[in-house]
Amino acid sequence: MKTEIENYLNFISNDYKKRFCVPKDFDHMQRMNKSFEDSLSYQDGKVYIKIIKDSSVHSFIVKEDTKQFKKGDILKAASWKAPAKNFARGNVFSIDSYKYVSWAGA
């Protein structure tokens, strides 16, 4: 699932780049994009993989199938430690399912 996580981080970064394109100041835009990309990381937890942007949680990814969710489901962050469990915002195994995900969160 490491490849899917990397693809998900790339999707988030690319979404940011699409939304903040300032052609008149290309150097500044490049620095902003690089800074955003460098701020993305993830932590492997017991049940979820936590996607982190700077010092806040972007989203959670389900590690194994549960009664409610499938492996790879993307969940919105409810807090630093827990996801919102109302519905999945997509699945890392299907890029087409990312309709509820943006650079700002899931």
C-alpha atoms as a PDB file:
ATOM      1  CA  MET A   1       0.000   0.000   0.000  1.00  0.00           C
ATOM      2  CA  LYS A   2       3.073   2.273   0.168  1.00  0.00           C
ATOM      3  CA  THR A   3       2.825   3.069  -3.558  1.00  0.00           C
ATOM      4  CA  GLU A   4      -0.849   4.024  -3.174  1.00  0.00           C
ATOM      5  CA  ILE A   5      -0.002   6.312  -0.241  1.00  0.00           C
ATOM      6  CA  GLU A   6       2.691   8.029  -2.319  1.00  0.00           C
ATOM      7  CA  ASN A   7       0.219   8.401  -5.209  1.00  0.00           C
ATOM      8  CA  TYR A   8      -2.316   9.909  -2.785  1.00  0.00           C
ATOM      9  CA  LEU A   9       0.267  12.415  -1.499  1.00  0.00           C
ATOM     10  CA  ASN A  10       1.109  13.312  -5.109  1.00  0.00           C
ATOM     11  CA  PHE A  11      -2.595  13.829  -5.848  1.00  0.00           C
ATOM     12  CA  ILE A  12      -2.907  16.218  -2.880  1.00  0.00           C
ATOM     13  CA  SER A  13       0.218  18.107  -3.943  1.00  0.00           C
ATOM     14  CA  ASN A  14      -0.925  18.348  -7.570  1.00  0.00           C
ATOM     15  CA  ASP A  15      -4.346  19.607  -6.462  1.00  0.00           C
ATOM     16  CA  TYR A  16      -2.608  22.380  -4.540  1.00  0.00           C
ATOM     17  CA  LYS A  17      -0.494  23.284  -7.582  1.00  0.00           C
ATOM     18  CA  LYS A  18      -3.586  23.501  -9.809  1.00  0.00           C
ATOM     19  CA  ARG A  19      -5.381  25.871  -7.451  1.00  0.00           C
ATOM     20  CA  PHE A  20      -2.484  28.241  -6.814  1.00  0.00           C
ATOM     21  CA  CYS A  21      -1.039  28.914 -10.224  1.00  0.00           C
ATOM     22  CA  VAL A  22       0.256  32.477 -10.451  1.00  0.00           C
ATOM     23  CA  PRO A  23       1.973  32.848 -13.844  1.00  0.00           C
ATOM     24  CA  LYS A  24       3.278  36.362 -13.211  1.00  0.00           C
ATOM     25  CA  ASP A  25       5.487  35.235 -10.314  1.00  0.00           C
ATOM     26  CA  PHE A  26       6.762  31.823 -11.345  1.00  0.00           C
ATOM     27  CA  ASP A  27       9.611  31.652  -8.801  1.00  0.00           C
ATOM     28  CA  HIS A  28       7.303  32.401  -5.884  1.00  0.00           C
ATOM     29  CA  MET A  29       4.813  29.808  -7.142  1.00  0.00           C
ATOM     30  CA  GLN A  30       7.568  27.188  -7.384  1.00  0.00           C
ATOM     31  CA  ARG A  31       8.675  27.912  -3.804  1.00  0.00           C
ATOM     32  CA  MET A  32       5.082  27.674  -2.536  1.00  0.00           C
ATOM     33  CA  ASN A  33       4.532  24.374  -4.339  1.00  0.00           C
ATOM     34  CA  LYS A  34       7.794  22.920  -3.018  1.00  0.00           C
ATOM     35  CA  SER A  35       7.005  24.080   0.515  1.00  0.00           C
ATOM     36  CA  PHE A  36       3.555  22.489   0.389  1.00  0.00           C
ATOM     37  CA  GLU A  37       4.918  19.241  -1.047  1.00  0.00           C
ATOM     38  CA  ASP A  38       7.621  19.059   1.639  1.00  0.00           C
ATOM     39  CA  SER A  39       5.013  19.607   4.382  1.00  0.00           C
ATOM     40  CA  LEU A  40       3.137  16.394   3.497  1.00  0.00           C
ATOM     41  CA  SER A  41       3.953  13.203   5.380  1.00  0.00           C
ATOM     42  CA  TYR A  42       2.270  10.185   6.932  1.00  0.00           C
ATOM     43  CA  GLN A  43       2.396   8.148  10.122  1.00  0.00           C
ATOM     44  CA  ASP A  44       1.609   4.461  10.243  1.00  0.00           C
ATOM     45  CA  GLY A  45      -0.735   3.700  13.136  1.00  0.00           C
ATOM     46  CA  LYS A  46      -2.391   0.551  14.453  1.00  0.00           C
ATOM     47  CA  VAL A  47      -5.696   0.917  12.542  1.00  0.00           C
ATOM     48  CA  TYR A  48      -5.146   3.953  10.284  1.00  0.00           C
ATOM     49  CA  ILE A  49      -2.434   5.710   8.346  1.00  0.00           C
ATOM     50  CA  LYS A  50      -2.488   9.392   9.290  1.00  0.00           C
ATOM     51  CA  ILE A  51      -1.814  11.857   6.462  1.00  0.00           C
ATOM     52  CA  ILE A  52      -0.190  14.979   7.894  1.00  0.00           C
ATOM     53  CA  LYS A  53       0.200  18.469   6.449  1.00  0.00           C
ATOM     54  CA  ASP A  54       2.599  20.503   8.616  1.00  0.00           C
ATOM     55  CA  SER A  55       1.202  20.093  12.150  1.00  0.00           C
ATOM     56  CA  SER A  56      -2.381  19.151  11.258  1.00  0.00           C
ATOM     57  CA  VAL A  57      -4.094  16.011  10.028  1.00  0.00           C
ATOM     58  CA  HIS A  58      -5.209  16.054   6.404  1.00  0.00           C
ATOM     59  CA  SER A  59      -6.964  12.654   6.415  1.00  0.00           C
ATOM     60  CA  PHE A  60      -6.797   9.035   7.552  1.00  0.00           C
ATOM     61  CA  ILE A  61      -6.495   5.866   5.487  1.00  0.00           C
ATOM     62  CA  VAL A  62      -7.961   2.566   6.674  1.00  0.00           C
ATOM     63  CA  LYS A  63      -5.257  -0.135   6.891  1.00  0.00           C
ATOM     64  CA  GLU A  64      -7.454  -3.264   6.925  1.00  0.00           C
ATOM     65  CA  ASP A  65     -11.079  -4.109   6.127  1.00  0.00           C
ATOM     66  CA  THR A  66     -13.557  -3.448   8.935  1.00  0.00           C
ATOM     67  CA  LYS A  67     -17.331  -3.858   9.198  1.00  0.00           C
ATOM     68  CA  GLN A  68     -17.843  -0.284   7.983  1.00  0.00           C
ATOM     69  CA  PHE A  69     -14.828   0.431   5.739  1.00  0.00           C
ATOM     70  CA  LYS A  70     -12.574  -1.260   3.201  1.00  0.00           C
ATOM     71  CA  LYS A  71      -8.795  -1.275   3.128  1.00  0.00           C
ATOM     72  CA  GLY A  72      -7.578   1.967   1.562  1.00  0.00           C
ATOM     73  CA  ASP A  73     -10.679   4.035   2.329  1.00  0.00           C
ATOM     74  CA  ILE A  74      -9.928   7.734   2.866  1.00  0.00           C
ATOM     75  CA  LEU A  75     -11.559   9.265   5.931  1.00  0.00           C
ATOM     76  CA  LYS A  76     -11.894  12.901   6.948  1.00  0.00           C
ATOM     77  CA  ALA A  77     -10.029  13.886  10.100  1.00  0.00           C
ATOM     78  CA  ALA A  78     -12.249  14.555  13.126  1.00  0.00           C
ATOM     79  CA  SER A  79      -9.282  15.263  15.399  1.00  0.00           C
ATOM     80  CA  TRP A  80      -5.542  14.640  15.590  1.00  0.00           C
ATOM     81  CA  LYS A  81      -6.167  11.102  16.835  1.00  0.00           C
ATOM     82  CA  ALA A  82      -9.378  10.001  15.108  1.00  0.00           C
ATOM     83  CA  PRO A  83     -11.164  10.084  11.763  1.00  0.00           C
ATOM     84  CA  ALA A  84     -14.774  10.989  11.089  1.00  0.00           C
ATOM     85  CA  LYS A  85     -16.490   7.648  10.568  1.00  0.00           C
ATOM     86  CA  ASN A  86     -19.621   8.779   8.739  1.00  0.00           C
ATOM     87  CA  PHE A  87     -18.480   7.805   5.194  1.00  0.00           C
ATOM     88  CA  ALA A  88     -15.363   7.247   3.108  1.00  0.00           C
ATOM     89  CA  ARG A  89     -14.209  10.154   0.946  1.00  0.00           C
ATOM     90  CA  GLY A  90     -12.538   7.835  -1.562  1.00  0.00           C
ATOM     91  CA  ASN A  91     -10.116   4.924  -1.692  1.00  0.00           C
ATOM     92  CA  VAL A  92      -6.372   5.076  -2.356  1.00  0.00           C
ATOM     93  CA  PHE A  93      -6.647   2.079  -4.695  1.00  0.00           C
ATOM     94  CA  SER A  94      -8.869   4.080  -7.087  1.00  0.00           C
ATOM     95  CA  ILE A  95      -7.772   7.606  -8.015  1.00  0.00           C
ATOM     96  CA  ASP A  96     -11.153   8.144  -9.702  1.00  0.00           C
ATOM     97  CA  SER A  97     -12.800   7.921  -6.263  1.00  0.00           C
ATOM     98  CA  TYR A  98     -11.084  11.057  -4.893  1.00  0.00           C
ATOM     99  CA  LYS A  99     -14.075  13.322  -5.579  1.00  0.00           C
ATOM    100  CA  TYR A 100     -14.250  14.451  -1.927  1.00  0.00           C
ATOM    101  CA  VAL A 101     -10.508  15.032  -1.541  1.00  0.00           C
ATOM    102  CA  SER A 102      -8.642  18.276  -2.115  1.00  0.00           C
ATOM    103  CA  TRP A 103      -5.364  19.805  -0.973  1.00  0.00           C
ATOM    104  CA  ALA A 104      -7.217  21.224   2.057  1.00  0.00           C
ATOM    105  CA  GLY A 105      -8.517  17.877   3.353  1.00  0.00           C
ATOM    106  CA  ALA A 106     -10.859  14.987   2.785  1.00  0.00           C
END
